[in-house]
Amino acid sequence: MTDARMRPDWIAADWGTSHLRLWRMDRAGAVLGRIDSDRGMGTLRREEFEPVLLDLLRDDLPGAGCLDVICCGMAGSRQGWAEARYAAVPCAPPGIRQATRVATQSERLSVRILPGLRQNAPADVMRGEETQIAGFLRTEPDFDGVICLPGTHCKWVHVSAGEVVSFRTFMTGEMFALLADRSVLRHGIASAGMDEGPFSDAVARTVSQPEVLARDLFTLRAEALLHGLDPVAARSRLSGLLIGAELAGARPYWLGRDIVVMGESGIAGAYRTALDLQGVRARQVGAEEMTLSGLRAAYEDLKEGER
């Protein structure tokens, strides 16, 4: 049983497609603990969200009153717990005032899901990243430039005057996973590892000639069969070819702008390296830190509105 003196004042939640992260927070915004779960949105029916949350927070629920839960991510999708409508850009990252209040059976939970962002032309959406952007702007309110958010679906986001002006999504991460794990290339691709030389050469090739991508992808298979291409080098080249093609498509976003790459993982470092090869000195900031910063801002606005 959680010590009552350490019981959280509220819960910050990032509920993605595959994973759920809960942070037990005190009123001042300090993290008391973290709970990780594989019960992502993609594994749950709508009626299962509340029982999962109750189970994970069973030692933290108050005997009287309710526990505030502020959530970002795919729990607010059309297939999630409750649909949190998109806010249209250009706009400031949406906060608690635009959040969707979830009807719960338990009186010990008060759940709000933050909305995502939509762009009507060209059509695009994001859900979860807007909270990271809000967290970044909380620390750098005067930022004017582009935030790159690598992941399964990488986002390039133009931010100015405290607003998201526009953004574009690239399915590079998902394409990499499909090609590395399910295509004919899987026979010659290592499951992990990075060789910077082959990666850099591949980035340079498709940044300057994105039209060669489909052709050069099969070359990885042929070189494995004919010349014994090292599987780690093949993985590195595959990553470089795809990220280089993405940079070619995203050039209007990164060329001549202040760039921030958000993320702690190796993929964020790969994007930073790829940009460096183009003469762009990007900064890198922690994605989890920015998520928490955005959720803290939402909680502060919630408490301010209750005064």
Protein backbone atom coordinates (compact mmCIF):
# COMPACT_ATOMS: atom_id res chain seq x y z
CA MET A 1 0.00 0.00 0.00
CA THR A 2 1.33 3.44 -0.91
CA ASP A 3 2.23 5.55 2.12
CA ALA A 4 -0.47 8.23 2.46
CA ARG A 5 2.25 10.87 2.78
CA MET A 6 3.48 9.89 -0.71
CA ARG A 7 0.06 9.62 -2.32
CA PRO A 8 0.05 11.70 -5.52
CA ASP A 9 -2.01 14.85 -5.92
CA TRP A 10 -2.57 14.06 -9.59
CA ILE A 11 -1.55 11.72 -12.40
CA ALA A 12 0.17 12.70 -15.66
CA ALA A 13 -0.54 10.15 -18.40
CA ASP A 14 0.85 9.55 -21.88
CA TRP A 15 -1.40 6.87 -23.37
CA GLY A 16 -0.02 5.79 -26.70
CA THR A 17 -0.95 3.08 -29.16
CA SER A 18 1.45 0.50 -27.71
CA HIS A 19 2.39 1.79 -24.28
CA LEU A 20 0.99 3.66 -21.31
CA ARG A 21 3.15 5.81 -19.06
CA LEU A 22 1.80 7.19 -15.79
CA TRP A 23 3.65 9.63 -13.57
CA ARG A 24 2.58 10.05 -9.96
CA MET A 25 2.83 13.80 -9.36
CA ASP A 26 2.69 16.09 -6.35
CA ARG A 27 0.95 19.45 -6.39
CA ALA A 28 4.21 21.30 -7.13
CA GLY A 29 4.84 19.17 -10.24
CA ALA A 30 7.51 16.87 -8.81
CA VAL A 31 7.49 13.22 -9.93
CA LEU A 32 6.83 10.82 -7.07
CA GLY A 33 7.02 7.69 -9.20
CA ARG A 34 6.38 6.21 -12.62
CA ILE A 35 4.29 3.30 -13.86
CA ASP A 36 4.89 1.71 -17.26
CA SER A 37 2.42 -0.62 -18.93
CA ASP A 38 2.02 -2.38 -22.27
CA ARG A 39 -1.74 -1.71 -22.15
CA GLY A 40 -1.67 0.78 -24.97
CA MET A 41 -4.72 2.07 -26.81
CA GLY A 42 -4.27 -0.52 -29.55
CA THR A 43 -4.83 -3.42 -27.11
CA LEU A 44 -8.00 -2.08 -25.44
CA ARG A 45 -11.70 -1.84 -26.08
CA ARG A 46 -13.32 1.41 -24.98
CA GLU A 47 -14.81 -0.15 -21.83
CA GLU A 48 -11.39 -1.46 -20.74
CA PHE A 49 -9.60 1.87 -20.29
CA GLU A 50 -11.07 2.71 -16.89
CA PRO A 51 -10.46 -0.75 -15.37
CA VAL A 52 -6.83 -0.65 -16.56
CA LEU A 53 -6.33 2.77 -14.94
CA LEU A 54 -8.03 1.71 -11.72
CA ASP A 55 -5.85 -1.39 -11.51
CA LEU A 56 -2.59 0.48 -12.11
CA LEU A 57 -3.53 3.26 -9.63
CA ARG A 58 -5.21 1.08 -7.02
CA ASP A 59 -2.76 2.08 -4.25
CA ASP A 60 -2.97 5.76 -5.13
CA LEU A 61 -6.72 6.30 -5.18
CA PRO A 62 -8.02 8.53 -2.37
CA GLY A 63 -10.43 7.24 0.24
CA ALA A 64 -12.57 10.32 -0.33
CA GLY A 65 -12.69 12.73 -3.26
CA CYS A 66 -11.20 12.05 -6.68
CA LEU A 67 -7.77 11.87 -8.29
CA ASP A 68 -7.14 14.16 -11.26
CA VAL A 69 -5.72 12.38 -14.31
CA ILE A 70 -4.52 14.50 -17.24
CA CYS A 71 -3.85 12.46 -20.32
CA CYS A 72 -2.34 13.06 -23.75
CA GLY A 73 -1.94 10.71 -26.67
CA MET A 74 -3.96 8.09 -28.47
CA ALA A 75 -6.44 7.53 -25.64
CA GLY A 76 -8.14 10.57 -27.16
CA SER A 77 -8.39 9.10 -30.66
CA ARG A 78 -11.60 8.00 -32.33
CA GLN A 79 -10.70 4.39 -31.42
CA GLY A 80 -9.60 5.32 -27.89
CA TRP A 81 -11.26 5.95 -24.55
CA ALA A 82 -13.08 9.13 -25.56
CA GLU A 83 -12.50 11.21 -28.67
CA ALA A 84 -10.75 14.49 -27.93
CA ARG A 85 -11.41 16.73 -30.93
CA TYR A 86 -8.56 18.26 -32.89
CA ALA A 87 -7.79 21.97 -32.69
CA ALA A 88 -7.07 23.55 -36.09
CA VAL A 89 -3.74 25.21 -36.84
CA PRO A 90 -2.56 27.90 -36.76
CA CYS A 91 -3.12 27.97 -33.01
CA ALA A 92 -1.34 27.66 -29.71
CA PRO A 93 -0.95 24.06 -28.53
CA PRO A 94 -4.34 23.23 -26.96
CA GLY A 95 -4.52 22.96 -23.19
CA ILE A 96 -6.82 21.96 -20.38
CA ARG A 97 -9.59 24.34 -21.42
CA GLN A 98 -10.02 22.40 -24.67
CA ALA A 99 -9.69 18.99 -22.98
CA THR A 100 -12.37 16.30 -23.11
CA ARG A 101 -13.79 15.25 -19.74
CA VAL A 102 -14.24 11.47 -19.63
CA ALA A 103 -17.33 10.05 -17.99
CA THR A 104 -16.09 7.44 -15.49
CA GLN A 105 -18.01 4.94 -13.41
CA SER A 106 -15.67 5.41 -10.46
CA GLU A 107 -16.11 8.61 -8.46
CA ARG A 108 -12.46 8.42 -7.44
CA LEU A 109 -11.21 9.38 -10.91
CA SER A 110 -11.48 12.70 -12.73
CA VAL A 111 -10.03 12.16 -16.20
CA ARG A 112 -9.34 14.77 -18.88
CA ILE A 113 -7.81 14.06 -22.28
CA LEU A 114 -5.97 16.82 -24.13
CA PRO A 115 -6.89 17.35 -27.80
CA GLY A 116 -4.62 16.89 -30.79
CA LEU A 117 -3.99 19.22 -33.72
CA ARG A 118 -5.25 19.13 -37.29
CA GLN A 119 -4.17 20.82 -40.49
CA ASN A 120 -6.81 21.04 -43.18
CA ALA A 121 -4.63 21.65 -46.25
CA PRO A 122 -2.53 19.69 -46.79
CA ALA A 123 -4.44 17.29 -44.54
CA ASP A 124 -2.48 16.22 -41.46
CA VAL A 125 -3.06 15.38 -37.79
CA MET A 126 -1.08 14.87 -34.62
CA ARG A 127 -2.02 13.51 -31.23
CA GLY A 128 0.40 13.57 -28.29
CA GLU A 129 3.13 15.62 -29.92
CA GLU A 130 1.17 18.84 -29.31
CA THR A 131 1.69 18.31 -25.55
CA GLN A 132 5.44 17.99 -26.10
CA ILE A 133 5.36 21.22 -28.11
CA ALA A 134 3.42 22.92 -25.31
CA GLY A 135 6.04 21.71 -22.85
CA PHE A 136 8.86 23.05 -25.01
CA LEU A 137 7.18 26.45 -25.40
CA ARG A 138 6.76 26.55 -21.62
CA THR A 139 10.56 26.57 -21.39
CA GLU A 140 11.24 28.65 -24.54
CA PRO A 141 8.15 30.83 -25.12
CA ASP A 142 9.89 33.01 -27.74
CA PHE A 143 11.09 30.13 -29.93
CA ASP A 144 10.68 30.77 -33.65
CA GLY A 145 11.69 27.83 -35.80
CA VAL A 146 10.97 24.17 -36.43
CA ILE A 147 10.61 21.26 -34.05
CA CYS A 148 11.36 17.81 -35.45
CA LEU A 149 9.70 14.97 -33.52
CA PRO A 150 11.12 11.63 -34.75
CA GLY A 151 9.21 8.43 -34.24
CA THR A 152 7.01 5.97 -36.09
CA HIS A 153 5.47 9.00 -37.81
CA CYS A 154 7.96 11.86 -37.74
CA LYS A 155 6.54 15.38 -37.42
CA TRP A 156 8.11 18.61 -38.69
CA VAL A 157 6.40 21.50 -36.92
CA HIS A 158 6.78 25.21 -37.70
CA VAL A 159 6.34 27.24 -34.51
CA SER A 160 6.17 31.04 -34.34
CA ALA A 161 4.77 33.57 -31.86
CA GLY A 162 3.72 30.78 -29.50
CA GLU A 163 1.63 29.02 -32.16
CA VAL A 164 1.90 25.94 -34.33
CA VAL A 165 1.79 27.49 -37.79
CA SER A 166 1.93 24.31 -39.88
CA PHE A 167 3.27 20.77 -39.77
CA ARG A 168 3.95 17.74 -41.96
CA THR A 169 4.10 14.07 -41.07
CA PHE A 170 6.46 11.50 -42.64
CA MET A 171 5.87 7.75 -42.17
CA THR A 172 9.60 7.06 -42.18
CA GLY A 173 9.72 5.06 -38.94
CA GLU A 174 6.85 2.81 -39.97
CA MET A 175 8.37 2.30 -43.42
CA PHE A 176 11.69 1.33 -41.81
CA ALA A 177 9.97 -1.24 -39.57
CA LEU A 178 8.00 -2.74 -42.44
CA LEU A 179 11.00 -2.98 -44.74
CA ALA A 180 13.40 -4.27 -42.07
CA ASP A 181 11.02 -6.80 -40.53
CA ARG A 182 8.56 -7.87 -43.25
CA SER A 183 10.01 -7.25 -46.69
CA VAL A 184 12.54 -9.27 -48.65
CA LEU A 185 15.22 -7.02 -47.11
CA ARG A 186 14.68 -8.66 -43.71
CA HIS A 187 17.02 -11.53 -44.67
CA GLY A 188 20.03 -9.22 -44.71
CA ILE A 189 19.16 -6.58 -42.09
CA ALA A 190 20.53 -6.74 -38.53
CA SER A 191 18.03 -6.37 -35.68
CA ALA A 192 20.14 -3.62 -34.06
CA GLY A 193 23.27 -1.55 -34.53
CA MET A 194 24.36 1.53 -36.44
CA ASP A 195 27.39 2.18 -38.61
CA GLU A 196 27.73 5.91 -39.14
CA GLY A 197 29.68 5.67 -42.40
CA PRO A 198 27.06 3.75 -44.43
CA PHE A 199 24.31 5.79 -42.77
CA SER A 200 25.88 9.11 -43.75
CA ASP A 201 26.56 7.99 -47.33
CA ALA A 202 22.95 6.87 -47.73
CA VAL A 203 21.57 10.12 -46.31
CA ALA A 204 23.66 12.15 -48.75
CA ARG A 205 22.44 10.02 -51.66
CA THR A 206 18.71 10.39 -51.14
CA VAL A 207 18.80 13.99 -49.94
CA SER A 208 20.25 14.92 -53.31
CA GLN A 209 18.43 12.23 -55.35
CA PRO A 210 15.24 11.10 -53.60
CA GLU A 211 14.05 9.52 -56.86
CA VAL A 212 16.63 6.70 -56.44
CA LEU A 213 15.09 5.45 -53.18
CA ALA A 214 13.06 2.50 -54.48
CA ARG A 215 15.96 1.35 -56.68
CA ASP A 216 18.59 1.62 -53.96
CA LEU A 217 16.44 -0.27 -51.49
CA PHE A 218 16.64 -3.43 -53.60
CA THR A 219 20.39 -2.93 -53.98
CA LEU A 220 20.63 -3.78 -50.27
CA ARG A 221 19.16 -7.21 -51.03
CA ALA A 222 21.37 -7.76 -54.06
CA GLU A 223 24.55 -6.75 -52.23
CA ALA A 224 23.71 -9.11 -49.39
CA LEU A 225 23.32 -12.00 -51.84
CA LEU A 226 26.27 -11.23 -54.12
CA HIS A 227 28.81 -9.54 -51.87
CA GLY A 228 27.88 -10.48 -48.30
CA LEU A 229 26.88 -6.97 -47.23
CA ASP A 230 27.29 -6.70 -43.47
CA PRO A 231 23.81 -6.76 -41.81
CA VAL A 232 24.59 -3.78 -39.55
CA ALA A 233 25.83 -1.78 -42.54
CA ALA A 234 22.64 -2.77 -44.40
CA ARG A 235 20.49 -1.59 -41.48
CA SER A 236 22.42 1.68 -41.35
CA ARG A 237 22.04 2.23 -45.09
CA LEU A 238 18.31 1.49 -44.94
CA SER A 239 17.89 4.07 -42.18
CA GLY A 240 19.99 6.61 -44.07
CA LEU A 241 18.14 6.12 -47.35
CA LEU A 242 14.75 6.68 -45.70
CA ILE A 243 15.80 9.61 -43.51
CA GLY A 244 17.58 11.22 -46.47
CA ALA A 245 14.43 10.98 -48.57
CA GLU A 246 12.48 12.51 -45.69
CA LEU A 247 14.93 15.40 -45.41
CA ALA A 248 14.54 16.02 -49.13
CA GLY A 249 10.76 16.27 -48.66
CA ALA A 250 11.04 18.35 -45.50
CA ARG A 251 13.61 20.81 -46.87
CA PRO A 252 11.21 23.81 -46.68
CA TYR A 253 10.96 23.16 -42.94
CA TRP A 254 14.62 22.81 -41.99
CA LEU A 255 16.46 24.97 -44.49
CA GLY A 256 17.60 28.23 -42.91
CA ARG A 257 15.64 27.76 -39.66
CA ASP A 258 16.39 27.21 -36.00
CA ILE A 259 15.85 23.45 -35.55
CA VAL A 260 15.12 21.46 -32.39
CA VAL A 261 15.07 17.65 -32.52
CA MET A 262 12.94 16.19 -29.74
CA GLY A 263 13.85 12.78 -28.35
CA GLU A 264 16.29 10.81 -26.21
CA SER A 265 16.56 7.68 -28.35
CA GLY A 266 19.06 6.73 -31.01
CA ILE A 267 16.65 7.74 -33.76
CA ALA A 268 16.66 11.35 -32.54
CA GLY A 269 20.45 11.26 -32.70
CA ALA A 270 20.27 9.87 -36.22
CA TYR A 271 18.11 12.81 -37.33
CA ARG A 272 20.50 15.23 -35.69
CA THR A 273 23.44 13.58 -37.50
CA ALA A 274 21.56 13.69 -40.83
CA LEU A 275 20.85 17.39 -40.38
CA ASP A 276 24.45 18.04 -39.41
CA LEU A 277 25.50 16.52 -42.74
CA GLN A 278 23.42 19.26 -44.41
CA GLY A 279 25.20 21.96 -42.40
CA VAL A 280 22.25 22.39 -40.02
CA ARG A 281 23.21 22.61 -36.34
CA ALA A 282 20.13 21.25 -34.62
CA ARG A 283 19.61 21.17 -30.88
CA GLN A 284 18.30 18.04 -29.15
CA VAL A 285 15.91 18.07 -26.17
CA GLY A 286 14.33 15.25 -24.18
CA ALA A 287 10.88 14.16 -25.37
CA GLU A 288 9.78 12.74 -22.02
CA GLU A 289 10.85 15.91 -20.24
CA MET A 290 8.78 17.98 -22.68
CA THR A 291 5.76 15.68 -22.33
CA LEU A 292 5.84 16.14 -18.56
CA SER A 293 6.31 19.87 -18.95
CA GLY A 294 3.21 20.08 -21.15
CA LEU A 295 1.15 17.98 -18.75
CA ARG A 296 2.33 20.12 -15.81
CA ALA A 297 1.20 23.24 -17.66
CA ALA A 298 -2.24 21.66 -18.16
CA TYR A 299 -2.51 20.81 -14.45
CA GLU A 300 -1.49 24.32 -13.42
CA ASP A 301 -4.19 25.77 -15.70
CA LEU A 302 -6.71 23.33 -14.21
CA LYS A 303 -5.94 24.42 -10.67
CA GLU A 304 -5.93 28.08 -11.70
CA GLY A 305 -9.38 27.67 -13.20
CA GLU A 306 -10.68 26.14 -9.95
CA ARG A 307 -9.65 29.15 -7.85
